[in-house]
Amino acid sequence: MTKPERLDTLMSLLAIAFCWAHKVGEWRAKLKPIVLNRYHTSHRLQYSYFRYGLDSLREAVLHVRSKDNVLKQLIAQLIPLQQAKRLA
């Protein structure tokens, strides 16, 4: 650890990524609710909001068709068409 500013930058990026994944998970849970885990006796959700959001973001990144307009394709996969039209 010869350059602590790099560690600060890394921790900042990790915090932003965690918040982003959690927020996407909350948003996706409103559109398509997370099912309850039927095998657990306390009726917990099958996924956490973080995991749900992380899986959604990973799907969006891995299924980008071409290198052109990557951001547009990511937004199109994450935001349903009706909401995208309202935002435009």
PDB file of N, CA and C in Angstrom:
ATOM      1  N   MET A   1       0.830  -1.171   0.000  1.00  0.00           N
ATOM      2  CA  MET A   1       0.000   0.000   0.000  1.00  0.00           C
ATOM      3  C   MET A   1       0.877   1.238   0.000  1.00  0.00           C
ATOM      4  N   THR A   2       1.495   1.450  -1.122  1.00  0.00           N
ATOM      5  CA  THR A   2       2.368   2.614  -1.239  1.00  0.00           C
ATOM      6  C   THR A   2       1.613   3.858  -1.688  1.00  0.00           C
ATOM      7  N   LYS A   3       0.421   3.684  -2.251  1.00  0.00           N
ATOM      8  CA  LYS A   3      -0.381   4.823  -2.726  1.00  0.00           C
ATOM      9  C   LYS A   3      -1.796   4.735  -2.156  1.00  0.00           C
ATOM     10  N   PRO A   4      -1.997   5.321  -0.978  1.00  0.00           N
ATOM     11  CA  PRO A   4      -3.314   5.225  -0.338  1.00  0.00           C
ATOM     12  C   PRO A   4      -4.433   5.910  -1.131  1.00  0.00           C
ATOM     13  N   GLU A   5      -4.088   6.877  -1.982  1.00  0.00           N
ATOM     14  CA  GLU A   5      -5.140   7.540  -2.771  1.00  0.00           C
ATOM     15  C   GLU A   5      -5.790   6.564  -3.744  1.00  0.00           C
ATOM     16  N   ARG A   6      -5.053   5.576  -4.185  1.00  0.00           N
ATOM     17  CA  ARG A   6      -5.650   4.557  -5.057  1.00  0.00           C
ATOM     18  C   ARG A   6      -6.652   3.703  -4.290  1.00  0.00           C
ATOM     19  N   LEU A   7      -6.328   3.414  -3.054  1.00  0.00           N
ATOM     20  CA  LEU A   7      -7.246   2.649  -2.217  1.00  0.00           C
ATOM     21  C   LEU A   7      -8.517   3.447  -1.953  1.00  0.00           C
ATOM     22  N   ASP A   8      -8.355   4.751  -1.738  1.00  0.00           N
ATOM     23  CA  ASP A   8      -9.525   5.621  -1.562  1.00  0.00           C
ATOM     24  C   ASP A   8     -10.401   5.609  -2.808  1.00  0.00           C
ATOM     25  N   THR A   9      -9.796   5.684  -3.967  1.00  0.00           N
ATOM     26  CA  THR A   9     -10.542   5.661  -5.220  1.00  0.00           C
ATOM     27  C   THR A   9     -11.268   4.331  -5.395  1.00  0.00           C
ATOM     28  N   LEU A  10     -10.578   3.238  -5.096  1.00  0.00           N
ATOM     29  CA  LEU A  10     -11.180   1.913  -5.213  1.00  0.00           C
ATOM     30  C   LEU A  10     -12.379   1.767  -4.280  1.00  0.00           C
ATOM     31  N   MET A  11     -12.233   2.210  -3.037  1.00  0.00           N
ATOM     32  CA  MET A  11     -13.333   2.107  -2.080  1.00  0.00           C
ATOM     33  C   MET A  11     -14.516   2.987  -2.504  1.00  0.00           C
ATOM     34  N   SER A  12     -14.226   4.136  -3.072  1.00  0.00           N
ATOM     35  CA  SER A  12     -15.291   5.010  -3.561  1.00  0.00           C
ATOM     36  C   SER A  12     -16.058   4.351  -4.705  1.00  0.00           C
ATOM     37  N   LEU A  13     -15.328   3.760  -5.636  1.00  0.00           N
ATOM     38  CA  LEU A  13     -15.975   3.080  -6.760  1.00  0.00           C
ATOM     39  C   LEU A  13     -16.800   1.883  -6.296  1.00  0.00           C
ATOM     40  N   LEU A  14     -16.277   1.144  -5.317  1.00  0.00           N
ATOM     41  CA  LEU A  14     -17.026   0.002  -4.785  1.00  0.00           C
ATOM     42  C   LEU A  14     -18.310   0.460  -4.095  1.00  0.00           C
ATOM     43  N   ALA A  15     -18.252   1.566  -3.373  1.00  0.00           N
ATOM     44  CA  ALA A  15     -19.444   2.089  -2.705  1.00  0.00           C
ATOM     45  C   ALA A  15     -20.491   2.529  -3.727  1.00  0.00           C
ATOM     46  N   ILE A  16     -20.051   3.195  -4.784  1.00  0.00           N
ATOM     47  CA  ILE A  16     -20.974   3.635  -5.832  1.00  0.00           C
ATOM     48  C   ILE A  16     -21.595   2.422  -6.526  1.00  0.00           C
ATOM     49  N   ALA A  17     -20.786   1.418  -6.830  1.00  0.00           N
ATOM     50  CA  ALA A  17     -21.286   0.213  -7.499  1.00  0.00           C
ATOM     51  C   ALA A  17     -22.298  -0.521  -6.620  1.00  0.00           C
ATOM     52  N   PHE A  18     -22.018  -0.604  -5.322  1.00  0.00           N
ATOM     53  CA  PHE A  18     -22.948  -1.263  -4.412  1.00  0.00           C
ATOM     54  C   PHE A  18     -24.280  -0.523  -4.380  1.00  0.00           C
ATOM     55  N   CYS A  19     -24.223   0.797  -4.237  1.00  0.00           N
ATOM     56  CA  CYS A  19     -25.460   1.597  -4.197  1.00  0.00           C
ATOM     57  C   CYS A  19     -26.243   1.466  -5.497  1.00  0.00           C
ATOM     58  N   TRP A  20     -25.537   1.484  -6.618  1.00  0.00           N
ATOM     59  CA  TRP A  20     -26.189   1.372  -7.919  1.00  0.00           C
ATOM     60  C   TRP A  20     -26.898   0.027  -8.049  1.00  0.00           C
ATOM     61  N   ALA A  21     -26.206  -1.055  -7.686  1.00  0.00           N
ATOM     62  CA  ALA A  21     -26.808  -2.388  -7.788  1.00  0.00           C
ATOM     63  C   ALA A  21     -28.018  -2.501  -6.858  1.00  0.00           C
ATOM     64  N   HIS A  22     -27.925  -1.948  -5.658  1.00  0.00           N
ATOM     65  CA  HIS A  22     -29.038  -2.016  -4.716  1.00  0.00           C
ATOM     66  C   HIS A  22     -30.230  -1.229  -5.236  1.00  0.00           C
ATOM     67  N   LYS A  23     -29.999  -0.041  -5.766  1.00  0.00           N
ATOM     68  CA  LYS A  23     -31.091   0.785  -6.292  1.00  0.00           C
ATOM     69  C   LYS A  23     -31.755   0.124  -7.504  1.00  0.00           C
ATOM     70  N   VAL A  24     -30.961  -0.466  -8.385  1.00  0.00           N
ATOM     71  CA  VAL A  24     -31.528  -1.174  -9.539  1.00  0.00           C
ATOM     72  C   VAL A  24     -32.358  -2.356  -9.047  1.00  0.00           C
ATOM     73  N   GLY A  25     -31.889  -3.048  -8.019  1.00  0.00           N
ATOM     74  CA  GLY A  25     -32.643  -4.162  -7.452  1.00  0.00           C
ATOM     75  C   GLY A  25     -33.966  -3.724  -6.864  1.00  0.00           C
ATOM     76  N   GLU A  26     -33.979  -2.600  -6.149  1.00  0.00           N
ATOM     77  CA  GLU A  26     -35.235  -2.075  -5.606  1.00  0.00           C
ATOM     78  C   GLU A  26     -36.196  -1.709  -6.730  1.00  0.00           C
ATOM     79  N   TRP A  27     -35.656  -1.054  -7.748  1.00  0.00           N
ATOM     80  CA  TRP A  27     -36.481  -0.631  -8.881  1.00  0.00           C
ATOM     81  C   TRP A  27     -37.056  -1.831  -9.625  1.00  0.00           C
ATOM     82  N   ARG A  28     -36.207  -2.852  -9.867  1.00  0.00           N
ATOM     83  CA  ARG A  28     -36.678  -4.047 -10.565  1.00  0.00           C
ATOM     84  C   ARG A  28     -37.701  -4.813  -9.733  1.00  0.00           C
ATOM     85  N   ALA A  29     -37.550  -4.779  -8.405  1.00  0.00           N
ATOM     86  CA  ALA A  29     -38.504  -5.476  -7.534  1.00  0.00           C
ATOM     87  C   ALA A  29     -39.881  -4.823  -7.590  1.00  0.00           C
ATOM     88  N   LYS A  30     -39.938  -3.521  -7.882  1.00  0.00           N
ATOM     89  CA  LYS A  30     -41.231  -2.867  -8.045  1.00  0.00           C
ATOM     90  C   LYS A  30     -41.901  -3.321  -9.342  1.00  0.00           C
ATOM     91  N   LEU A  31     -41.092  -3.539 -10.385  1.00  0.00           N
ATOM     92  CA  LEU A  31     -41.643  -3.969 -11.671  1.00  0.00           C
ATOM     93  C   LEU A  31     -41.994  -5.451 -11.668  1.00  0.00           C
ATOM     94  N   LYS A  32     -41.099  -6.259 -11.115  1.00  0.00           N
ATOM     95  CA  LYS A  32     -41.317  -7.705 -11.035  1.00  0.00           C
ATOM     96  C   LYS A  32     -40.868  -8.147  -9.643  1.00  0.00           C
ATOM     97  N   PRO A  33     -41.816  -8.329  -8.737  1.00  0.00           N
ATOM     98  CA  PRO A  33     -41.462  -8.626  -7.344  1.00  0.00           C
ATOM     99  C   PRO A  33     -40.614  -9.888  -7.199  1.00  0.00           C
ATOM    100  N   ILE A  34     -39.765  -9.866  -6.187  1.00  0.00           N
ATOM    101  CA  ILE A  34     -38.925 -11.022  -5.869  1.00  0.00           C
ATOM    102  C   ILE A  34     -39.808 -12.032  -5.137  1.00  0.00           C
ATOM    103  N   VAL A  35     -39.725 -13.275  -5.538  1.00  0.00           N
ATOM    104  CA  VAL A  35     -40.560 -14.306  -4.918  1.00  0.00           C
ATOM    105  C   VAL A  35     -39.979 -14.714  -3.570  1.00  0.00           C
ATOM    106  N   LEU A  36     -40.848 -15.250  -2.728  1.00  0.00           N
ATOM    107  CA  LEU A  36     -40.405 -15.742  -1.427  1.00  0.00           C
ATOM    108  C   LEU A  36     -39.710 -17.087  -1.605  1.00  0.00           C
ATOM    109  N   ASN A  37     -38.725 -17.333  -0.785  1.00  0.00           N
ATOM    110  CA  ASN A  37     -38.013 -18.599  -0.809  1.00  0.00           C
ATOM    111  C   ASN A  37     -38.874 -19.639  -0.097  1.00  0.00           C
ATOM    112  N   ARG A  38     -39.422 -20.570  -0.837  1.00  0.00           N
ATOM    113  CA  ARG A  38     -40.352 -21.534  -0.253  1.00  0.00           C
ATOM    114  C   ARG A  38     -39.653 -22.583   0.611  1.00  0.00           C
ATOM    115  N   TYR A  39     -38.337 -22.701   0.500  1.00  0.00           N
ATOM    116  CA  TYR A  39     -37.608 -23.702   1.273  1.00  0.00           C
ATOM    117  C   TYR A  39     -37.153 -23.170   2.624  1.00  0.00           C
ATOM    118  N   HIS A  40     -37.278 -21.871   2.843  1.00  0.00           N
ATOM    119  CA  HIS A  40     -36.831 -21.288   4.098  1.00  0.00           C
ATOM    120  C   HIS A  40     -38.039 -21.079   5.003  1.00  0.00           C
ATOM    121  N   THR A  41     -37.914 -21.440   6.269  1.00  0.00           N
ATOM    122  CA  THR A  41     -39.069 -21.405   7.169  1.00  0.00           C
ATOM    123  C   THR A  41     -39.495 -19.992   7.553  1.00  0.00           C
ATOM    124  N   SER A  42     -38.616 -19.001   7.445  1.00  0.00           N
ATOM    125  CA  SER A  42     -38.991 -17.642   7.846  1.00  0.00           C
ATOM    126  C   SER A  42     -39.530 -16.818   6.677  1.00  0.00           C
ATOM    127  N   HIS A  43     -39.749 -17.456   5.538  1.00  0.00           N
ATOM    128  CA  HIS A  43     -40.313 -16.796   4.355  1.00  0.00           C
ATOM    129  C   HIS A  43     -39.489 -15.581   3.919  1.00  0.00           C
ATOM    130  N   ARG A  44     -38.220 -15.782   3.772  1.00  0.00           N
ATOM    131  CA  ARG A  44     -37.349 -14.723   3.267  1.00  0.00           C
ATOM    132  C   ARG A  44     -37.488 -14.609   1.755  1.00  0.00           C
ATOM    133  N   LEU A  45     -37.084 -13.447   1.239  1.00  0.00           N
ATOM    134  CA  LEU A  45     -37.068 -13.277  -0.208  1.00  0.00           C
ATOM    135  C   LEU A  45     -35.989 -14.169  -0.815  1.00  0.00           C
ATOM    136  N   GLN A  46     -36.230 -14.600  -2.027  1.00  0.00           N
ATOM    137  CA  GLN A  46     -35.287 -15.490  -2.679  1.00  0.00           C
ATOM    138  C   GLN A  46     -33.955 -14.795  -2.941  1.00  0.00           C
ATOM    139  N   TYR A  47     -33.984 -13.510  -3.254  1.00  0.00           N
ATOM    140  CA  TYR A  47     -32.774 -12.731  -3.522  1.00  0.00           C
ATOM    141  C   TYR A  47     -32.813 -11.456  -2.690  1.00  0.00           C
ATOM    142  N   SER A  48     -31.641 -10.918  -2.414  1.00  0.00           N
ATOM    143  CA  SER A  48     -31.587  -9.582  -1.818  1.00  0.00           C
ATOM    144  C   SER A  48     -31.747  -8.564  -2.941  1.00  0.00           C
ATOM    145  N   TYR A  49     -32.044  -7.327  -2.578  1.00  0.00           N
ATOM    146  CA  TYR A  49     -32.151  -6.280  -3.594  1.00  0.00           C
ATOM    147  C   TYR A  49     -30.827  -6.098  -4.314  1.00  0.00           C
ATOM    148  N   PHE A  50     -29.736  -6.201  -3.554  1.00  0.00           N
ATOM    149  CA  PHE A  50     -28.412  -6.069  -4.169  1.00  0.00           C
ATOM    150  C   PHE A  50     -28.193  -7.152  -5.218  1.00  0.00           C
ATOM    151  N   ARG A  51     -28.487  -8.397  -4.871  1.00  0.00           N
ATOM    152  CA  ARG A  51     -28.267  -9.515  -5.801  1.00  0.00           C
ATOM    153  C   ARG A  51     -29.153  -9.384  -7.034  1.00  0.00           C
ATOM    154  N   TYR A  52     -30.399  -8.981  -6.833  1.00  0.00           N
ATOM    155  CA  TYR A  52     -31.353  -8.808  -7.924  1.00  0.00           C
ATOM    156  C   TYR A  52     -30.860  -7.723  -8.886  1.00  0.00           C
ATOM    157  N   GLY A  53     -30.374  -6.620  -8.320  1.00  0.00           N
ATOM    158  CA  GLY A  53     -29.842  -5.534  -9.141  1.00  0.00           C
ATOM    159  C   GLY A  53     -28.548  -5.906  -9.828  1.00  0.00           C
ATOM    160  N   LEU A  54     -27.672  -6.602  -9.110  1.00  0.00           N
ATOM    161  CA  LEU A  54     -26.407  -7.018  -9.698  1.00  0.00           C
ATOM    162  C   LEU A  54     -26.635  -7.977 -10.863  1.00  0.00           C
ATOM    163  N   ASP A  55     -27.560  -8.904 -10.709  1.00  0.00           N
ATOM    164  CA  ASP A  55     -27.881  -9.825 -11.798  1.00  0.00           C
ATOM    165  C   ASP A  55     -28.450  -9.074 -13.003  1.00  0.00           C
ATOM    166  N   SER A  56     -29.287  -8.071 -12.751  1.00  0.00           N
ATOM    167  CA  SER A  56     -29.860  -7.279 -13.844  1.00  0.00           C
ATOM    168  C   SER A  56     -28.785  -6.494 -14.578  1.00  0.00           C
ATOM    169  N   LEU A  57     -27.890  -5.876 -13.829  1.00  0.00           N
ATOM    170  CA  LEU A  57     -26.802  -5.118 -14.451  1.00  0.00           C
ATOM    171  C   LEU A  57     -25.870  -6.037 -15.237  1.00  0.00           C
ATOM    172  N   ARG A  58     -25.570  -7.197 -14.662  1.00  0.00           N
ATOM    173  CA  ARG A  58     -24.696  -8.157 -15.355  1.00  0.00           C
ATOM    174  C   ARG A  58     -25.329  -8.635 -16.652  1.00  0.00           C
ATOM    175  N   GLU A  59     -26.632  -8.945 -16.624  1.00  0.00           N
ATOM    176  CA  GLU A  59     -27.335  -9.351 -17.845  1.00  0.00           C
ATOM    177  C   GLU A  59     -27.245  -8.261 -18.901  1.00  0.00           C
ATOM    178  N   ALA A  60     -27.450  -7.020 -18.479  1.00  0.00           N
ATOM    179  CA  ALA A  60     -27.425  -5.911 -19.421  1.00  0.00           C
ATOM    180  C   ALA A  60     -26.043  -5.743 -20.049  1.00  0.00           C
ATOM    181  N   VAL A  61     -24.998  -5.886 -19.250  1.00  0.00           N
ATOM    182  CA  VAL A  61     -23.638  -5.711 -19.765  1.00  0.00           C
ATOM    183  C   VAL A  61     -23.239  -6.871 -20.677  1.00  0.00           C
ATOM    184  N   LEU A  62     -23.599  -8.087 -20.312  1.00  0.00           N
ATOM    185  CA  LEU A  62     -23.177  -9.256 -21.087  1.00  0.00           C
ATOM    186  C   LEU A  62     -23.941  -9.421 -22.392  1.00  0.00           C
ATOM    187  N   HIS A  63     -25.111  -8.826 -22.505  1.00  0.00           N
ATOM    188  CA  HIS A  63     -25.911  -9.006 -23.713  1.00  0.00           C
ATOM    189  C   HIS A  63     -25.966  -7.757 -24.591  1.00  0.00           C
ATOM    190  N   VAL A  64     -24.913  -6.976 -24.553  1.00  0.00           N
ATOM    191  CA  VAL A  64     -24.803  -5.826 -25.447  1.00  0.00           C
ATOM    192  C   VAL A  64     -24.451  -6.359 -26.827  1.00  0.00           C
ATOM    193  N   ARG A  65     -25.204  -5.952 -27.848  1.00  0.00           N
ATOM    194  CA  ARG A  65     -25.038  -6.536 -29.184  1.00  0.00           C
ATOM    195  C   ARG A  65     -23.797  -6.042 -29.921  1.00  0.00           C
ATOM    196  N   SER A  66     -23.506  -4.767 -29.823  1.00  0.00           N
ATOM    197  CA  SER A  66     -22.324  -4.253 -30.504  1.00  0.00           C
ATOM    198  C   SER A  66     -21.693  -3.186 -29.628  1.00  0.00           C
ATOM    199  N   LYS A  67     -20.522  -2.762 -30.009  1.00  0.00           N
ATOM    200  CA  LYS A  67     -19.813  -1.757 -29.222  1.00  0.00           C
ATOM    201  C   LYS A  67     -20.388  -0.362 -29.422  1.00  0.00           C
ATOM    202  N   ASP A  68     -21.160  -0.149 -30.494  1.00  0.00           N
ATOM    203  CA  ASP A  68     -21.760   1.150 -30.746  1.00  0.00           C
ATOM    204  C   ASP A  68     -22.983   1.339 -29.847  1.00  0.00           C
ATOM    205  N   ASN A  69     -23.122   2.522 -29.332  1.00  0.00           N
ATOM    206  CA  ASN A  69     -24.277   2.881 -28.507  1.00  0.00           C
ATOM    207  C   ASN A  69     -24.469   1.946 -27.318  1.00  0.00           C
ATOM    208  N   VAL A  70     -23.397   1.638 -26.622  1.00  0.00           N
ATOM    209  CA  VAL A  70     -23.463   0.720 -25.485  1.00  0.00           C
ATOM    210  C   VAL A  70     -24.388   1.272 -24.413  1.00  0.00           C
ATOM    211  N   LEU A  71     -24.257   2.554 -24.109  1.00  0.00           N
ATOM    212  CA  LEU A  71     -25.089   3.147 -23.071  1.00  0.00           C
ATOM    213  C   LEU A  71     -26.561   3.093 -23.451  1.00  0.00           C
ATOM    214  N   LYS A  72     -26.873   3.362 -24.705  1.00  0.00           N
ATOM    215  CA  LYS A  72     -28.263   3.320 -25.167  1.00  0.00           C
ATOM    216  C   LYS A  72     -28.831   1.907 -25.028  1.00  0.00           C
ATOM    217  N   GLN A  73     -28.040   0.898 -25.362  1.00  0.00           N
ATOM    218  CA  GLN A  73     -28.503  -0.481 -25.250  1.00  0.00           C
ATOM    219  C   GLN A  73     -28.684  -0.888 -23.791  1.00  0.00           C
ATOM    220  N   LEU A  74     -27.778  -0.433 -22.913  1.00  0.00           N
ATOM    221  CA  LEU A  74     -27.914  -0.755 -21.499  1.00  0.00           C
ATOM    222  C   LEU A  74     -29.185  -0.141 -20.927  1.00  0.00           C
ATOM    223  N   ILE A  75     -29.446   1.110 -21.274  1.00  0.00           N
ATOM    224  CA  ILE A  75     -30.644   1.774 -20.779  1.00  0.00           C
ATOM    225  C   ILE A  75     -31.885   1.087 -21.328  1.00  0.00           C
ATOM    226  N   ALA A  76     -31.853   0.685 -22.584  1.00  0.00           N
ATOM    227  CA  ALA A  76     -33.006   0.017 -23.190  1.00  0.00           C
ATOM    228  C   ALA A  76     -33.306  -1.312 -22.502  1.00  0.00           C
ATOM    229  N   GLN A  77     -32.278  -2.002 -22.037  1.00  0.00           N
ATOM    230  CA  GLN A  77     -32.498  -3.282 -21.370  1.00  0.00           C
ATOM    231  C   GLN A  77     -32.949  -3.101 -19.927  1.00  0.00           C
ATOM    232  N   LEU A  78     -32.513  -2.028 -19.306  1.00  0.00           N
ATOM    233  CA  LEU A  78     -32.849  -1.829 -17.906  1.00  0.00           C
ATOM    234  C   LEU A  78     -34.177  -1.113 -17.702  1.00  0.00           C
ATOM    235  N   ILE A  79     -34.544  -0.243 -18.625  1.00  0.00           N
ATOM    236  CA  ILE A  79     -35.772   0.532 -18.486  1.00  0.00           C
ATOM    237  C   ILE A  79     -36.800   0.002 -19.479  1.00  0.00           C
ATOM    238  N   PRO A  80     -37.975  -0.372 -18.990  1.00  0.00           N
ATOM    239  CA  PRO A  80     -39.022  -0.825 -19.908  1.00  0.00           C
ATOM    240  C   PRO A  80     -39.375   0.266 -20.918  1.00  0.00           C
ATOM    241  N   LEU A  81     -39.876  -0.137 -22.052  1.00  0.00           N
ATOM    242  CA  LEU A  81     -40.137   0.766 -23.174  1.00  0.00           C
ATOM    243  C   LEU A  81     -41.071   1.911 -22.796  1.00  0.00           C
ATOM    244  N   GLN A  82     -42.099   1.638 -22.033  1.00  0.00           N
ATOM    245  CA  GLN A  82     -43.054   2.693 -21.658  1.00  0.00           C
ATOM    246  C   GLN A  82     -42.386   3.771 -20.812  1.00  0.00           C
ATOM    247  N   GLN A  83     -41.538   3.363 -19.879  1.00  0.00           N
ATOM    248  CA  GLN A  83     -40.837   4.352 -19.054  1.00  0.00           C
ATOM    249  C   GLN A  83     -39.822   5.116 -19.878  1.00  0.00           C
ATOM    250  N   ALA A  84     -39.173   4.467 -20.822  1.00  0.00           N
ATOM    251  CA  ALA A  84     -38.190   5.138 -21.666  1.00  0.00           C
ATOM    252  C   ALA A  84     -38.858   6.216 -22.499  1.00  0.00           C
ATOM    253  N   LYS A  85     -40.069   5.952 -22.988  1.00  0.00           N
ATOM    254  CA  LYS A  85     -40.792   6.947 -23.774  1.00  0.00           C
ATOM    255  C   LYS A  85     -41.172   8.145 -22.909  1.00  0.00           C
ATOM    256  N   ARG A  86     -41.528   7.881 -21.643  1.00  0.00           N
ATOM    257  CA  ARG A  86     -41.860   8.981 -20.746  1.00  0.00           C
ATOM    258  C   ARG A  86     -40.651   9.843 -20.443  1.00  0.00           C
ATOM    259  N   LEU A  87     -39.468   9.235 -20.361  1.00  0.00           N
ATOM    260  CA  LEU A  87     -38.249   9.985 -20.065  1.00  0.00           C
ATOM    261  C   LEU A  87     -37.788  10.835 -21.230  1.00  0.00           C
ATOM    262  N   ALA A  88     -38.093  10.405 -22.457  1.00  0.00           N
ATOM    263  CA  ALA A  88     -37.610  11.115 -23.651  1.00  0.00           C
ATOM    264  C   ALA A  88     -38.351  12.390 -23.919  1.00  0.00           C
TER     265      ALA A  88
END
